[in-house]
């Protein structure tokens, strides 16, 4: 299962390379939705192969860290280093805290509930990506034209 998670992370990090053009938050929205829906569907269908679910988690979170760092630099071009550093720090904190919370959830409520919580985290990632899209659209709106 852990190998499937890391393979999913690798695929998730490589997937944006196949896209042409600038990275934007649509990548975060898409992977978050795909990962979250995949996890929740796998749990609802009582998938016997938990490694598939771990692969979905990895794919969903794989591009988040590098893409969010890139988006932070794009959003704040005059202070790219600070923005990228803050995004990297927030990502590292989440990468540390979420596995511990998931483990505690699994210990307390069972592995299905723990995996379901990861699906909710993935959907939260998608919501964060969509919020970034709305923010960028609002900031680029020109009421004069």
N, C-alpha and C. Protein backbone atom coordinates (compact mmCIF):
# COMPACT_ATOMS: atom_id res chain seq x y z
N UNK A 1 0.83 -1.20 0.00
CA UNK A 1 0.00 0.00 0.00
C UNK A 1 0.87 1.26 0.00
N UNK A 2 1.95 1.25 0.78
CA UNK A 2 2.80 2.44 0.83
C UNK A 2 3.50 2.66 -0.51
N UNK A 3 3.85 1.57 -1.20
CA UNK A 3 4.46 1.71 -2.52
C UNK A 3 3.46 2.30 -3.51
N UNK A 4 2.22 1.90 -3.40
CA UNK A 4 1.18 2.47 -4.28
C UNK A 4 1.00 3.95 -4.00
N UNK A 5 1.07 4.35 -2.74
CA UNK A 5 0.97 5.77 -2.38
C UNK A 5 2.10 6.55 -3.05
N UNK A 6 3.33 6.08 -2.90
CA UNK A 6 4.46 6.80 -3.47
C UNK A 6 4.44 6.78 -5.00
N UNK A 7 3.97 5.69 -5.59
CA UNK A 7 3.84 5.64 -7.05
C UNK A 7 2.78 6.64 -7.50
N UNK A 8 1.68 6.75 -6.76
CA UNK A 8 0.66 7.74 -7.08
C UNK A 8 1.20 9.16 -6.96
N UNK A 9 2.02 9.42 -5.93
CA UNK A 9 2.62 10.74 -5.78
C UNK A 9 3.52 11.04 -6.98
N UNK A 10 4.32 10.06 -7.37
CA UNK A 10 5.20 10.25 -8.53
C UNK A 10 4.38 10.57 -9.78
N UNK A 11 3.34 9.79 -10.04
CA UNK A 11 2.49 10.05 -11.22
C UNK A 11 1.83 11.41 -11.13
N UNK A 12 1.37 11.76 -9.92
CA UNK A 12 0.74 13.07 -9.73
C UNK A 12 1.70 14.22 -9.95
N UNK A 13 2.96 14.03 -9.60
CA UNK A 13 3.94 15.10 -9.82
C UNK A 13 4.39 15.17 -11.27
N UNK A 14 4.36 14.04 -11.97
CA UNK A 14 4.75 14.04 -13.38
C UNK A 14 3.61 14.50 -14.29
N UNK A 15 2.37 14.31 -13.88
CA UNK A 15 1.21 14.62 -14.72
C UNK A 15 1.21 16.07 -15.22
N UNK A 16 1.51 17.09 -14.38
CA UNK A 16 1.50 18.46 -14.91
C UNK A 16 2.54 18.71 -15.99
N UNK A 17 3.59 17.88 -16.05
CA UNK A 17 4.61 18.06 -17.08
C UNK A 17 4.05 17.77 -18.47
N UNK A 18 2.99 16.97 -18.55
CA UNK A 18 2.39 16.63 -19.84
C UNK A 18 1.53 17.78 -20.38
N UNK A 19 1.22 18.74 -19.53
CA UNK A 19 0.39 19.87 -19.94
C UNK A 19 1.24 20.96 -20.57
N UNK A 20 0.72 21.59 -21.57
CA UNK A 20 1.42 22.70 -22.21
C UNK A 20 0.99 24.00 -21.55
N UNK A 21 1.87 24.96 -21.50
CA UNK A 21 1.52 26.28 -20.97
C UNK A 21 1.83 26.42 -19.50
N UNK A 22 1.36 27.52 -18.94
CA UNK A 22 1.60 27.82 -17.53
C UNK A 22 0.78 26.92 -16.62
N UNK A 23 1.35 26.63 -15.48
CA UNK A 23 0.60 25.91 -14.45
C UNK A 23 -0.43 26.84 -13.86
N UNK A 24 -1.61 26.33 -13.60
CA UNK A 24 -2.59 27.13 -12.88
C UNK A 24 -3.35 26.23 -11.92
N UNK A 25 -4.25 26.82 -11.19
CA UNK A 25 -4.93 26.12 -10.11
C UNK A 25 -5.92 25.06 -10.61
N UNK A 26 -6.20 25.02 -11.91
CA UNK A 26 -7.09 23.97 -12.41
C UNK A 26 -6.50 22.59 -12.17
N UNK A 27 -5.18 22.50 -12.16
CA UNK A 27 -4.51 21.22 -11.87
C UNK A 27 -4.86 20.76 -10.46
N UNK A 28 -4.83 21.69 -9.52
CA UNK A 28 -5.14 21.36 -8.12
C UNK A 28 -6.60 20.94 -8.00
N UNK A 29 -7.48 21.67 -8.67
CA UNK A 29 -8.91 21.33 -8.63
C UNK A 29 -9.13 19.93 -9.21
N UNK A 30 -8.54 19.66 -10.37
CA UNK A 30 -8.76 18.37 -11.04
C UNK A 30 -8.22 17.20 -10.23
N UNK A 31 -6.98 17.30 -9.74
CA UNK A 31 -6.43 16.17 -9.00
C UNK A 31 -7.13 15.99 -7.66
N UNK A 32 -7.50 17.08 -7.03
CA UNK A 32 -8.24 16.97 -5.77
C UNK A 32 -9.57 16.27 -5.96
N UNK A 33 -10.30 16.68 -7.00
CA UNK A 33 -11.59 16.04 -7.28
C UNK A 33 -11.43 14.57 -7.66
N UNK A 34 -10.47 14.29 -8.55
CA UNK A 34 -10.26 12.90 -8.96
C UNK A 34 -9.86 12.02 -7.77
N UNK A 35 -8.93 12.50 -6.99
CA UNK A 35 -8.49 11.72 -5.84
C UNK A 35 -9.59 11.56 -4.80
N UNK A 36 -10.29 12.63 -4.48
CA UNK A 36 -11.34 12.57 -3.48
C UNK A 36 -12.50 11.68 -3.89
N UNK A 37 -12.97 11.86 -5.11
CA UNK A 37 -14.08 11.04 -5.60
C UNK A 37 -13.64 9.57 -5.71
N UNK A 38 -12.40 9.35 -6.18
CA UNK A 38 -11.90 7.98 -6.28
C UNK A 38 -11.83 7.29 -4.94
N UNK A 39 -11.35 8.01 -3.94
CA UNK A 39 -11.27 7.43 -2.59
C UNK A 39 -12.65 7.14 -2.02
N UNK A 40 -13.51 8.11 -2.10
CA UNK A 40 -14.85 7.94 -1.53
C UNK A 40 -15.60 6.82 -2.25
N UNK A 41 -15.45 6.75 -3.58
CA UNK A 41 -16.09 5.66 -4.33
C UNK A 41 -15.49 4.31 -3.94
N UNK A 42 -14.17 4.25 -3.78
CA UNK A 42 -13.53 3.00 -3.38
C UNK A 42 -13.98 2.52 -2.02
N UNK A 43 -14.18 3.45 -1.12
CA UNK A 43 -14.65 3.08 0.22
C UNK A 43 -16.12 2.67 0.16
N UNK A 44 -16.92 3.44 -0.57
CA UNK A 44 -18.35 3.12 -0.67
C UNK A 44 -18.57 1.75 -1.31
N UNK A 45 -17.72 1.41 -2.27
CA UNK A 45 -17.84 0.11 -2.95
C UNK A 45 -17.10 -1.00 -2.21
N UNK A 46 -16.50 -0.66 -1.08
CA UNK A 46 -15.78 -1.62 -0.24
C UNK A 46 -14.70 -2.35 -1.05
N UNK A 47 -13.84 -1.53 -1.71
CA UNK A 47 -12.76 -2.05 -2.53
C UNK A 47 -11.85 -2.95 -1.71
N UNK A 48 -11.64 -4.19 -2.13
CA UNK A 48 -10.79 -5.08 -1.36
C UNK A 48 -9.29 -4.76 -1.49
N UNK A 49 -8.92 -4.01 -2.49
CA UNK A 49 -7.51 -3.69 -2.72
C UNK A 49 -7.22 -2.29 -2.21
N UNK A 50 -6.84 -2.20 -0.95
CA UNK A 50 -6.60 -0.89 -0.34
C UNK A 50 -5.46 -0.15 -1.02
N UNK A 51 -4.55 -0.90 -1.66
CA UNK A 51 -3.43 -0.24 -2.33
C UNK A 51 -3.92 0.67 -3.45
N UNK A 52 -5.02 0.32 -4.10
CA UNK A 52 -5.59 1.20 -5.13
C UNK A 52 -6.02 2.53 -4.53
N UNK A 53 -6.58 2.46 -3.34
CA UNK A 53 -7.00 3.69 -2.67
C UNK A 53 -5.79 4.55 -2.30
N UNK A 54 -4.73 3.90 -1.83
CA UNK A 54 -3.52 4.64 -1.51
C UNK A 54 -2.94 5.29 -2.77
N UNK A 55 -3.00 4.61 -3.89
CA UNK A 55 -2.55 5.18 -5.15
C UNK A 55 -3.35 6.41 -5.53
N UNK A 56 -4.66 6.37 -5.30
CA UNK A 56 -5.52 7.54 -5.56
C UNK A 56 -5.11 8.72 -4.68
N UNK A 57 -4.84 8.43 -3.41
CA UNK A 57 -4.40 9.49 -2.50
C UNK A 57 -3.11 10.12 -3.02
N UNK A 58 -2.15 9.26 -3.37
CA UNK A 58 -0.89 9.77 -3.87
C UNK A 58 -1.05 10.62 -5.11
N UNK A 59 -1.88 10.17 -6.05
CA UNK A 59 -2.10 10.93 -7.28
C UNK A 59 -2.75 12.27 -6.97
N UNK A 60 -3.68 12.28 -6.02
CA UNK A 60 -4.39 13.53 -5.69
C UNK A 60 -3.45 14.55 -5.06
N UNK A 61 -2.58 14.10 -4.19
CA UNK A 61 -1.73 15.06 -3.48
C UNK A 61 -0.39 15.29 -4.17
N UNK A 62 -0.03 14.44 -5.13
CA UNK A 62 1.26 14.56 -5.80
C UNK A 62 1.57 15.92 -6.37
N UNK A 63 0.70 16.48 -7.19
CA UNK A 63 1.04 17.77 -7.80
C UNK A 63 0.81 18.97 -6.89
N UNK A 64 0.15 18.78 -5.78
CA UNK A 64 -0.23 19.93 -4.95
C UNK A 64 1.00 20.71 -4.48
N UNK A 65 1.97 20.03 -3.92
CA UNK A 65 3.13 20.72 -3.34
C UNK A 65 3.89 21.53 -4.39
N UNK A 66 4.35 20.93 -5.48
CA UNK A 66 5.11 21.75 -6.44
C UNK A 66 4.25 22.80 -7.16
N UNK A 67 3.00 22.48 -7.46
CA UNK A 67 2.16 23.44 -8.18
C UNK A 67 1.82 24.62 -7.27
N UNK A 68 1.52 24.37 -6.00
CA UNK A 68 1.20 25.48 -5.10
C UNK A 68 2.41 26.39 -4.90
N UNK A 69 3.61 25.83 -4.85
CA UNK A 69 4.81 26.66 -4.74
C UNK A 69 4.94 27.52 -5.99
N UNK A 70 4.72 26.93 -7.15
CA UNK A 70 4.77 27.68 -8.40
C UNK A 70 3.70 28.78 -8.44
N UNK A 71 2.50 28.45 -8.03
CA UNK A 71 1.41 29.44 -8.03
C UNK A 71 1.70 30.59 -7.07
N UNK A 72 2.30 30.29 -5.93
CA UNK A 72 2.64 31.35 -4.97
C UNK A 72 3.64 32.31 -5.60
N UNK A 73 4.63 31.77 -6.31
CA UNK A 73 5.59 32.63 -6.99
C UNK A 73 4.96 33.47 -8.09
N UNK A 74 4.01 32.89 -8.81
CA UNK A 74 3.31 33.63 -9.87
C UNK A 74 2.43 34.73 -9.28
N UNK A 75 1.79 34.42 -8.17
CA UNK A 75 0.84 35.35 -7.55
C UNK A 75 1.54 36.58 -6.96
N UNK A 76 2.75 36.37 -6.43
CA UNK A 76 3.50 37.45 -5.81
C UNK A 76 4.85 37.59 -6.51
N UNK A 77 4.86 38.13 -7.73
CA UNK A 77 6.10 38.15 -8.52
C UNK A 77 7.22 39.00 -7.91
N UNK A 78 6.89 39.98 -7.09
CA UNK A 78 7.92 40.84 -6.52
C UNK A 78 8.52 40.26 -5.24
N UNK A 79 7.92 39.20 -4.73
CA UNK A 79 8.46 38.54 -3.53
C UNK A 79 8.32 37.03 -3.69
N UNK A 80 8.78 36.52 -4.83
CA UNK A 80 8.64 35.10 -5.16
C UNK A 80 9.27 34.19 -4.12
N UNK A 81 10.44 34.55 -3.63
CA UNK A 81 11.14 33.70 -2.67
C UNK A 81 10.34 33.53 -1.38
N UNK A 82 9.85 34.64 -0.84
CA UNK A 82 9.06 34.57 0.40
C UNK A 82 7.76 33.81 0.17
N UNK A 83 7.09 34.08 -0.94
CA UNK A 83 5.83 33.40 -1.24
C UNK A 83 6.04 31.90 -1.41
N UNK A 84 7.07 31.53 -2.16
CA UNK A 84 7.35 30.11 -2.38
C UNK A 84 7.76 29.45 -1.07
N UNK A 85 8.53 30.14 -0.25
CA UNK A 85 8.94 29.59 1.04
C UNK A 85 7.76 29.37 1.97
N UNK A 86 6.84 30.32 2.01
CA UNK A 86 5.65 30.15 2.85
C UNK A 86 4.78 29.00 2.35
N UNK A 87 4.62 28.90 1.03
CA UNK A 87 3.83 27.79 0.48
C UNK A 87 4.50 26.45 0.77
N UNK A 88 5.83 26.40 0.64
CA UNK A 88 6.55 25.16 0.93
C UNK A 88 6.42 24.79 2.41
N UNK A 89 6.52 25.79 3.29
CA UNK A 89 6.37 25.53 4.72
C UNK A 89 4.98 25.03 5.07
N UNK A 90 3.95 25.64 4.49
CA UNK A 90 2.58 25.19 4.75
C UNK A 90 2.38 23.77 4.23
N UNK A 91 2.95 23.47 3.06
CA UNK A 91 2.85 22.12 2.51
C UNK A 91 3.55 21.10 3.37
N UNK A 92 4.72 21.47 3.88
CA UNK A 92 5.47 20.56 4.75
C UNK A 92 4.71 20.30 6.05
N UNK A 93 4.09 21.33 6.59
CA UNK A 93 3.30 21.16 7.81
C UNK A 93 2.12 20.22 7.56
N UNK A 94 1.43 20.41 6.45
CA UNK A 94 0.32 19.52 6.10
C UNK A 94 0.79 18.10 5.85
N UNK A 95 1.94 17.97 5.18
CA UNK A 95 2.50 16.65 4.92
C UNK A 95 2.92 15.92 6.18
N UNK A 96 3.20 16.66 7.22
CA UNK A 96 3.55 16.06 8.51
C UNK A 96 2.30 15.76 9.33
N UNK A 97 1.37 16.71 9.38
CA UNK A 97 0.21 16.58 10.27
C UNK A 97 -0.85 15.61 9.75
N UNK A 98 -1.14 15.63 8.47
CA UNK A 98 -2.23 14.83 7.94
C UNK A 98 -2.01 13.33 8.11
N UNK A 99 -0.80 12.80 7.88
CA UNK A 99 -0.61 11.36 8.13
C UNK A 99 -0.85 10.98 9.60
N UNK A 100 -0.42 11.82 10.52
CA UNK A 100 -0.65 11.53 11.94
C UNK A 100 -2.15 11.58 12.26
N UNK A 101 -2.85 12.56 11.73
CA UNK A 101 -4.29 12.64 11.96
C UNK A 101 -5.02 11.44 11.34
N UNK A 102 -4.58 11.04 10.16
CA UNK A 102 -5.18 9.88 9.51
C UNK A 102 -4.93 8.61 10.31
N UNK A 103 -3.72 8.46 10.82
CA UNK A 103 -3.41 7.30 11.66
C UNK A 103 -4.25 7.26 12.92
N UNK A 104 -4.40 8.40 13.57
CA UNK A 104 -5.22 8.46 14.77
C UNK A 104 -6.68 8.16 14.45
N UNK A 105 -7.15 8.67 13.31
CA UNK A 105 -8.52 8.38 12.88
C UNK A 105 -8.68 6.89 12.63
N UNK A 106 -7.70 6.26 11.96
CA UNK A 106 -7.76 4.82 11.71
C UNK A 106 -7.76 4.01 12.99
N UNK A 107 -6.93 4.43 13.96
CA UNK A 107 -6.89 3.73 15.25
C UNK A 107 -8.22 3.85 15.99
N UNK A 108 -8.81 5.02 15.89
CA UNK A 108 -10.04 5.25 16.65
C UNK A 108 -11.31 4.78 15.98
N UNK A 109 -11.35 4.84 14.65
CA UNK A 109 -12.61 4.59 13.96
C UNK A 109 -12.53 3.54 12.86
N UNK A 110 -11.34 3.06 12.54
CA UNK A 110 -11.18 2.05 11.50
C UNK A 110 -10.56 2.62 10.24
N UNK A 111 -9.97 1.73 9.45
CA UNK A 111 -9.24 2.14 8.26
C UNK A 111 -10.15 2.75 7.20
N UNK A 112 -11.39 2.29 7.08
CA UNK A 112 -12.29 2.86 6.08
C UNK A 112 -12.58 4.33 6.36
N UNK A 113 -12.81 4.64 7.62
CA UNK A 113 -13.07 6.03 7.99
C UNK A 113 -11.81 6.86 7.76
N UNK A 114 -10.65 6.31 8.10
CA UNK A 114 -9.40 7.03 7.89
C UNK A 114 -9.18 7.32 6.41
N UNK A 115 -9.40 6.33 5.56
CA UNK A 115 -9.24 6.54 4.12
C UNK A 115 -10.28 7.52 3.60
N UNK A 116 -11.48 7.46 4.14
CA UNK A 116 -12.51 8.42 3.76
C UNK A 116 -12.10 9.84 4.13
N UNK A 117 -11.43 9.99 5.27
CA UNK A 117 -10.97 11.32 5.67
C UNK A 117 -9.94 11.84 4.67
N UNK A 118 -9.13 10.95 4.09
CA UNK A 118 -8.19 11.39 3.06
C UNK A 118 -8.93 11.85 1.81
N UNK A 119 -10.06 11.20 1.51
CA UNK A 119 -10.88 11.66 0.40
C UNK A 119 -11.39 13.07 0.65
N UNK A 120 -11.77 13.35 1.89
CA UNK A 120 -12.23 14.70 2.22
C UNK A 120 -11.09 15.71 2.12
N UNK A 121 -9.87 15.31 2.54
CA UNK A 121 -8.72 16.20 2.39
C UNK A 121 -8.49 16.50 0.91
N UNK A 122 -8.61 15.49 0.06
CA UNK A 122 -8.42 15.70 -1.38
C UNK A 122 -9.47 16.67 -1.93
N UNK A 123 -10.70 16.55 -1.46
CA UNK A 123 -11.74 17.49 -1.91
C UNK A 123 -11.46 18.89 -1.38
N UNK A 124 -10.88 18.98 -0.18
CA UNK A 124 -10.49 20.28 0.36
C UNK A 124 -9.38 20.89 -0.50
N UNK A 125 -8.46 20.06 -0.99
CA UNK A 125 -7.44 20.52 -1.92
C UNK A 125 -8.10 21.12 -3.16
N UNK A 126 -9.11 20.43 -3.69
CA UNK A 126 -9.82 20.93 -4.87
C UNK A 126 -10.49 22.27 -4.57
N UNK A 127 -11.08 22.39 -3.40
CA UNK A 127 -11.72 23.65 -3.02
C UNK A 127 -10.69 24.77 -2.90
N UNK A 128 -9.52 24.46 -2.35
CA UNK A 128 -8.46 25.46 -2.27
C UNK A 128 -8.00 25.91 -3.64
N UNK A 129 -7.88 24.96 -4.56
CA UNK A 129 -7.51 25.31 -5.93
C UNK A 129 -8.55 26.20 -6.58
N UNK A 130 -9.82 25.90 -6.34
CA UNK A 130 -10.89 26.72 -6.91
C UNK A 130 -10.88 28.11 -6.28
N UNK A 131 -10.61 28.21 -4.99
CA UNK A 131 -10.53 29.52 -4.34
C UNK A 131 -9.39 30.34 -4.95
N UNK A 132 -8.27 29.68 -5.26
CA UNK A 132 -7.16 30.39 -5.91
C UNK A 132 -7.58 30.88 -7.28
N UNK A 133 -8.34 30.09 -8.01
CA UNK A 133 -8.82 30.52 -9.33
C UNK A 133 -9.73 31.74 -9.22
N UNK A 134 -10.65 31.70 -8.23
CA UNK A 134 -11.55 32.84 -8.04
C UNK A 134 -10.77 34.09 -7.66
N UNK A 135 -9.76 33.93 -6.81
CA UNK A 135 -8.95 35.06 -6.39
C UNK A 135 -8.19 35.65 -7.57
N UNK A 136 -7.61 34.81 -8.39
CA UNK A 136 -6.87 35.30 -9.56
C UNK A 136 -7.82 36.01 -10.54
N UNK A 137 -9.00 35.46 -10.72
CA UNK A 137 -9.98 36.08 -11.63
C UNK A 137 -10.43 37.44 -11.09
N UNK A 138 -10.63 37.51 -9.78
CA UNK A 138 -11.06 38.77 -9.16
C UNK A 138 -9.96 39.82 -9.29
N UNK A 139 -8.69 39.41 -9.08
CA UNK A 139 -7.58 40.36 -9.14
C UNK A 139 -7.31 40.84 -10.55
N UNK A 140 -7.65 40.03 -11.57
CA UNK A 140 -7.39 40.43 -12.95
C UNK A 140 -8.58 41.16 -13.57
N UNK A 141 -9.69 41.28 -12.83
CA UNK A 141 -10.89 41.95 -13.35
C UNK A 141 -10.59 43.44 -13.50
N UNK A 142 -10.90 43.98 -14.65
CA UNK A 142 -10.70 45.40 -14.92
C UNK A 142 -12.05 46.04 -15.20
N UNK A 143 -12.62 46.75 -14.21
CA UNK A 143 -13.98 47.30 -14.40
C UNK A 143 -14.02 48.43 -15.40
N UNK A 144 -12.87 49.01 -15.78
CA UNK A 144 -12.85 50.13 -16.73
C UNK A 144 -13.07 49.62 -18.15
N UNK A 145 -12.57 48.44 -18.47
CA UNK A 145 -12.69 47.97 -19.86
C UNK A 145 -14.03 47.35 -20.14
